[in-house]
Amino acid sequence: MSDVTPTQILSIALAEQERARSIVAGLGPCPVQLSRATTLFGSFLVDPTDGSIEIRISKHIVDAVHVRETARHELAHQAAWERYRDMGHGPLWQTLASYLGCRPVSCTEDALDPVAMLRYQRFVITCTRCGWSISRQRRSKLVTRTNRYGCARCRGPLRVEEVERVDA
């Protein structure tokens, strides 16, 4: 795993955007920004008030291969939006994702920078039956009303722990 700098992440994403524009006819310009996200690799956003679009790529991605995959994934969202006004991960998006050379799946098992994830994680929700766990940065309904939810894998009861932040 090679570490990439935020400048390199942005450079790779912009190069992927140029590549995508040569593959998908009529793909318009779209600003690409770095984000501080520690739980998402990237996002494609449409402003509901003016219709402007933007792609955000996390500055915490640790490998150039994952930056490319993320950029292609978000560019497929842009193409699906511009052509079909489709925002999901359905057949239209999957086709465009394949054209752009990324896996046509909604999420990935790849890792963000683990130090960054630990720095921002505040709550860990764990299944008391199978041990599955997930972290959250904010006090959401899952954190405050855990008894209303079940494990995503086995439907077992969940337990919440507040963790100390790791400063790095």
C-alpha atoms as a PDB file:
ATOM      1  CA  MET A   1       0.000   0.000   0.000  1.00  0.00           C
ATOM      2  CA  SER A   2       1.518   3.303  -1.019  1.00  0.00           C
ATOM      3  CA  ASP A   3       0.643   6.569   0.659  1.00  0.00           C
ATOM      4  CA  VAL A   4      -0.611   9.330  -1.613  1.00  0.00           C
ATOM      5  CA  THR A   5      -0.707  13.002  -0.728  1.00  0.00           C
ATOM      6  CA  PRO A   6      -3.846  15.128  -1.067  1.00  0.00           C
ATOM      7  CA  THR A   7      -2.237  16.874  -4.052  1.00  0.00           C
ATOM      8  CA  GLN A   8      -1.663  13.509  -5.744  1.00  0.00           C
ATOM      9  CA  ILE A   9      -5.243  12.438  -4.971  1.00  0.00           C
ATOM     10  CA  LEU A  10      -6.607  15.543  -6.675  1.00  0.00           C
ATOM     11  CA  SER A  11      -4.248  15.111  -9.633  1.00  0.00           C
ATOM     12  CA  ILE A  12      -5.283  11.474 -10.139  1.00  0.00           C
ATOM     13  CA  ALA A  13      -8.994  12.362  -9.878  1.00  0.00           C
ATOM     14  CA  LEU A  14      -8.635  15.169 -12.446  1.00  0.00           C
ATOM     15  CA  ALA A  15      -6.762  12.844 -14.826  1.00  0.00           C
ATOM     16  CA  GLU A  16      -9.585  10.299 -14.462  1.00  0.00           C
ATOM     17  CA  GLN A  17     -12.081  13.048 -15.234  1.00  0.00           C
ATOM     18  CA  GLU A  18     -10.285  13.845 -18.507  1.00  0.00           C
ATOM     19  CA  ARG A  19     -10.198  10.139 -19.332  1.00  0.00           C
ATOM     20  CA  ALA A  20     -13.940   9.805 -18.616  1.00  0.00           C
ATOM     21  CA  ARG A  21     -14.751  12.782 -20.828  1.00  0.00           C
ATOM     22  CA  SER A  22     -12.994  11.008 -23.715  1.00  0.00           C
ATOM     23  CA  ILE A  23     -15.064   7.849 -23.108  1.00  0.00           C
ATOM     24  CA  VAL A  24     -18.542   9.264 -22.388  1.00  0.00           C
ATOM     25  CA  ALA A  25     -19.668  11.630 -25.130  1.00  0.00           C
ATOM     26  CA  GLY A  26     -21.059  14.894 -23.833  1.00  0.00           C
ATOM     27  CA  LEU A  27     -19.858  14.486 -20.244  1.00  0.00           C
ATOM     28  CA  GLY A  28     -19.761  18.032 -18.918  1.00  0.00           C
ATOM     29  CA  PRO A  29     -17.282  19.766 -16.652  1.00  0.00           C
ATOM     30  CA  CYS A  30     -17.614  19.075 -12.944  1.00  0.00           C
ATOM     31  CA  PRO A  31     -15.524  20.503 -10.108  1.00  0.00           C
ATOM     32  CA  VAL A  32     -13.553  17.911  -8.148  1.00  0.00           C
ATOM     33  CA  GLN A  33     -12.837  18.752  -4.508  1.00  0.00           C
ATOM     34  CA  LEU A  34     -11.023  16.995  -1.696  1.00  0.00           C
ATOM     35  CA  SER A  35     -13.136  16.155   1.337  1.00  0.00           C
ATOM     36  CA  ARG A  36     -12.313  15.378   4.957  1.00  0.00           C
ATOM     37  CA  ALA A  37     -14.618  12.338   4.911  1.00  0.00           C
ATOM     38  CA  THR A  38     -13.348   9.388   6.909  1.00  0.00           C
ATOM     39  CA  THR A  39     -16.208   6.977   6.211  1.00  0.00           C
ATOM     40  CA  LEU A  40     -16.845   7.693   2.508  1.00  0.00           C
ATOM     41  CA  PHE A  41     -14.348   7.426  -0.317  1.00  0.00           C
ATOM     42  CA  GLY A  42     -16.206   9.882  -2.491  1.00  0.00           C
ATOM     43  CA  SER A  43     -19.513  11.461  -3.326  1.00  0.00           C
ATOM     44  CA  PHE A  44     -21.322  12.994  -6.267  1.00  0.00           C
ATOM     45  CA  LEU A  45     -23.519  15.902  -5.231  1.00  0.00           C
ATOM     46  CA  VAL A  46     -26.260  17.835  -7.017  1.00  0.00           C
ATOM     47  CA  ASP A  47     -27.358  21.136  -5.498  1.00  0.00           C
ATOM     48  CA  PRO A  48     -31.186  21.064  -5.436  1.00  0.00           C
ATOM     49  CA  THR A  49     -31.483  24.849  -5.667  1.00  0.00           C
ATOM     50  CA  ASP A  50     -29.389  25.577  -8.745  1.00  0.00           C
ATOM     51  CA  GLY A  51     -28.596  22.127 -10.209  1.00  0.00           C
ATOM     52  CA  SER A  52     -24.827  22.558  -9.907  1.00  0.00           C
ATOM     53  CA  ILE A  53     -22.825  19.378  -9.486  1.00  0.00           C
ATOM     54  CA  GLU A  54     -19.636  18.483  -7.631  1.00  0.00           C
ATOM     55  CA  ILE A  55     -17.482  15.425  -7.013  1.00  0.00           C
ATOM     56  CA  ARG A  56     -15.751  15.011  -3.660  1.00  0.00           C
ATOM     57  CA  ILE A  57     -12.903  12.582  -3.038  1.00  0.00           C
ATOM     58  CA  SER A  58     -11.668  11.819   0.492  1.00  0.00           C
ATOM     59  CA  LYS A  59      -8.160  13.034   1.249  1.00  0.00           C
ATOM     60  CA  HIS A  60      -7.768   9.978   3.504  1.00  0.00           C
ATOM     61  CA  ILE A  61      -7.564   7.387   0.711  1.00  0.00           C
ATOM     62  CA  VAL A  62      -4.179   5.731   1.113  1.00  0.00           C
ATOM     63  CA  ASP A  63      -3.549   4.163  -2.298  1.00  0.00           C
ATOM     64  CA  ALA A  64      -3.539   5.524  -5.870  1.00  0.00           C
ATOM     65  CA  VAL A  65      -5.460   2.462  -7.122  1.00  0.00           C
ATOM     66  CA  HIS A  66      -8.326   3.263  -4.742  1.00  0.00           C
ATOM     67  CA  VAL A  67      -8.274   6.925  -5.759  1.00  0.00           C
ATOM     68  CA  ARG A  68      -8.738   5.872  -9.406  1.00  0.00           C
ATOM     69  CA  GLU A  69     -11.537   3.457  -8.520  1.00  0.00           C
ATOM     70  CA  THR A  70     -13.300   6.112  -6.446  1.00  0.00           C
ATOM     71  CA  ALA A  71     -12.952   8.785  -9.123  1.00  0.00           C
ATOM     72  CA  ARG A  72     -14.335   6.434 -11.779  1.00  0.00           C
ATOM     73  CA  HIS A  73     -17.216   5.461  -9.477  1.00  0.00           C
ATOM     74  CA  GLU A  74     -18.183   9.104  -8.922  1.00  0.00           C
ATOM     75  CA  LEU A  75     -17.724   9.957 -12.606  1.00  0.00           C
ATOM     76  CA  ALA A  76     -20.144   7.144 -13.432  1.00  0.00           C
ATOM     77  CA  HIS A  77     -22.638   8.873 -11.114  1.00  0.00           C
ATOM     78  CA  GLN A  78     -22.048  12.131 -12.971  1.00  0.00           C
ATOM     79  CA  ALA A  79     -22.617  10.447 -16.331  1.00  0.00           C
ATOM     80  CA  ALA A  80     -25.790   8.688 -15.109  1.00  0.00           C
ATOM     81  CA  TRP A  81     -27.086  11.970 -13.735  1.00  0.00           C
ATOM     82  CA  GLU A  82     -26.330  14.010 -16.842  1.00  0.00           C
ATOM     83  CA  ARG A  83     -27.751  11.437 -19.249  1.00  0.00           C
ATOM     84  CA  TYR A  84     -30.674   9.943 -17.322  1.00  0.00           C
ATOM     85  CA  ARG A  85     -31.149  12.004 -14.128  1.00  0.00           C
ATOM     86  CA  ASP A  86     -30.397   8.782 -12.256  1.00  0.00           C
ATOM     87  CA  MET A  87     -28.617   8.966  -8.881  1.00  0.00           C
ATOM     88  CA  GLY A  88     -28.600   5.365  -7.715  1.00  0.00           C
ATOM     89  CA  HIS A  89     -26.451   2.294  -8.280  1.00  0.00           C
ATOM     90  CA  GLY A  90     -28.939   0.653 -10.651  1.00  0.00           C
ATOM     91  CA  PRO A  91     -28.477  -0.765 -14.161  1.00  0.00           C
ATOM     92  CA  LEU A  92     -27.815   2.606 -15.831  1.00  0.00           C
ATOM     93  CA  TRP A  93     -25.069   3.483 -13.364  1.00  0.00           C
ATOM     94  CA  GLN A  94     -23.635  -0.060 -13.498  1.00  0.00           C
ATOM     95  CA  THR A  95     -23.334   0.125 -17.292  1.00  0.00           C
ATOM     96  CA  LEU A  96     -21.566   3.488 -17.142  1.00  0.00           C
ATOM     97  CA  ALA A  97     -19.300   2.271 -14.326  1.00  0.00           C
ATOM     98  CA  SER A  98     -18.258  -0.680 -16.499  1.00  0.00           C
ATOM     99  CA  TYR A  99     -17.535   1.660 -19.424  1.00  0.00           C
ATOM    100  CA  LEU A 100     -15.348   3.800 -17.188  1.00  0.00           C
ATOM    101  CA  GLY A 101     -13.459   0.782 -15.870  1.00  0.00           C
ATOM    102  CA  CYS A 102     -14.590   0.536 -12.270  1.00  0.00           C
ATOM    103  CA  ARG A 103     -16.370  -2.254 -10.472  1.00  0.00           C
ATOM    104  CA  PRO A 104     -20.147  -1.765 -10.781  1.00  0.00           C
ATOM    105  CA  VAL A 105     -20.777  -2.144  -7.033  1.00  0.00           C
ATOM    106  CA  SER A 106     -22.264   0.415  -4.666  1.00  0.00           C
ATOM    107  CA  CYS A 107     -19.541   0.196  -2.037  1.00  0.00           C
ATOM    108  CA  THR A 108     -16.165  -1.356  -1.540  1.00  0.00           C
ATOM    109  CA  GLU A 109     -14.212  -3.138   1.167  1.00  0.00           C
ATOM    110  CA  ASP A 110     -11.111  -1.010   0.511  1.00  0.00           C
ATOM    111  CA  ALA A 111      -9.681   0.954   3.408  1.00  0.00           C
ATOM    112  CA  LEU A 112      -9.306   4.591   4.201  1.00  0.00           C
ATOM    113  CA  ASP A 113      -6.439   5.779   6.376  1.00  0.00           C
ATOM    114  CA  PRO A 114      -7.016   3.874   9.654  1.00  0.00           C
ATOM    115  CA  VAL A 115      -5.417   6.640  11.737  1.00  0.00           C
ATOM    116  CA  ALA A 116      -7.851   9.201  10.309  1.00  0.00           C
ATOM    117  CA  MET A 117     -10.789   6.880  10.946  1.00  0.00           C
ATOM    118  CA  LEU A 118      -9.773   6.337  14.579  1.00  0.00           C
ATOM    119  CA  ARG A 119      -9.209  10.054  15.093  1.00  0.00           C
ATOM    120  CA  TYR A 120     -12.841  10.884  14.251  1.00  0.00           C
ATOM    121  CA  GLN A 121     -14.724   7.817  15.469  1.00  0.00           C
ATOM    122  CA  ARG A 122     -16.800   8.494  18.589  1.00  0.00           C
ATOM    123  CA  PHE A 123     -19.088   5.496  18.904  1.00  0.00           C
ATOM    124  CA  VAL A 124     -18.671   1.786  18.168  1.00  0.00           C
ATOM    125  CA  ILE A 125     -21.820  -0.284  17.746  1.00  0.00           C
ATOM    126  CA  THR A 126     -21.245  -4.027  18.214  1.00  0.00           C
ATOM    127  CA  CYS A 127     -23.539  -7.033  17.840  1.00  0.00           C
ATOM    128  CA  THR A 128     -23.618  -8.962  21.102  1.00  0.00           C
ATOM    129  CA  ARG A 129     -24.382 -12.185  19.214  1.00  0.00           C
ATOM    130  CA  CYS A 130     -21.928 -12.357  16.270  1.00  0.00           C
ATOM    131  CA  GLY A 131     -19.427  -9.575  17.040  1.00  0.00           C
ATOM    132  CA  TRP A 132     -20.053  -7.523  13.871  1.00  0.00           C
ATOM    133  CA  SER A 133     -19.267  -3.867  14.481  1.00  0.00           C
ATOM    134  CA  ILE A 134     -19.500  -0.451  12.875  1.00  0.00           C
ATOM    135  CA  SER A 135     -18.393   2.982  13.999  1.00  0.00           C
ATOM    136  CA  ARG A 136     -20.139   6.326  13.934  1.00  0.00           C
ATOM    137  CA  GLN A 137     -18.854   9.864  14.274  1.00  0.00           C
ATOM    138  CA  ARG A 138     -22.140  11.459  15.328  1.00  0.00           C
ATOM    139  CA  ARG A 139     -24.841  10.757  17.860  1.00  0.00           C
ATOM    140  CA  SER A 140     -27.397   9.325  15.415  1.00  0.00           C
ATOM    141  CA  LYS A 141     -30.600   7.372  16.047  1.00  0.00           C
ATOM    142  CA  LEU A 142     -28.565   4.184  15.775  1.00  0.00           C
ATOM    143  CA  VAL A 143     -26.422   5.428  18.656  1.00  0.00           C
ATOM    144  CA  THR A 144     -29.202   6.856  20.847  1.00  0.00           C
ATOM    145  CA  ARG A 145     -31.908   4.243  20.174  1.00  0.00           C
ATOM    146  CA  THR A 146     -29.887   1.090  19.636  1.00  0.00           C
ATOM    147  CA  ASN A 147     -32.688  -1.132  20.984  1.00  0.00           C
ATOM    148  CA  ARG A 148     -34.782  -0.280  17.886  1.00  0.00           C
ATOM    149  CA  TYR A 149     -32.205  -1.818  15.547  1.00  0.00           C
ATOM    150  CA  GLY A 150     -30.697  -5.240  14.983  1.00  0.00           C
ATOM    151  CA  CYS A 151     -27.427  -6.528  13.608  1.00  0.00           C
ATOM    152  CA  ALA A 152     -27.110  -6.255   9.824  1.00  0.00           C
ATOM    153  CA  ARG A 153     -25.838  -9.845   9.624  1.00  0.00           C
ATOM    154  CA  CYS A 154     -27.660 -11.912  12.264  1.00  0.00           C
ATOM    155  CA  ARG A 155     -30.359  -9.533  13.598  1.00  0.00           C
ATOM    156  CA  GLY A 156     -28.832  -9.837  17.097  1.00  0.00           C
ATOM    157  CA  PRO A 157     -29.000  -7.112  19.757  1.00  0.00           C
ATOM    158  CA  LEU A 158     -26.568  -4.182  19.524  1.00  0.00           C
ATOM    159  CA  ARG A 159     -24.379  -2.508  22.140  1.00  0.00           C
ATOM    160  CA  VAL A 160     -22.956   1.040  21.887  1.00  0.00           C
ATOM    161  CA  GLU A 161     -19.657   2.169  23.337  1.00  0.00           C
ATOM    162  CA  GLU A 162     -18.369   5.723  23.337  1.00  0.00           C
ATOM    163  CA  VAL A 163     -14.656   5.699  22.563  1.00  0.00           C
ATOM    164  CA  GLU A 164     -11.943   8.215  23.281  1.00  0.00           C
ATOM    165  CA  ARG A 165     -10.664  10.076  20.268  1.00  0.00           C
ATOM    166  CA  VAL A 166      -7.158   9.245  19.104  1.00  0.00           C
ATOM    167  CA  ASP A 167      -5.065  12.337  18.426  1.00  0.00           C
ATOM    168  CA  ALA A 168      -2.353  11.905  15.855  1.00  0.00           C
END
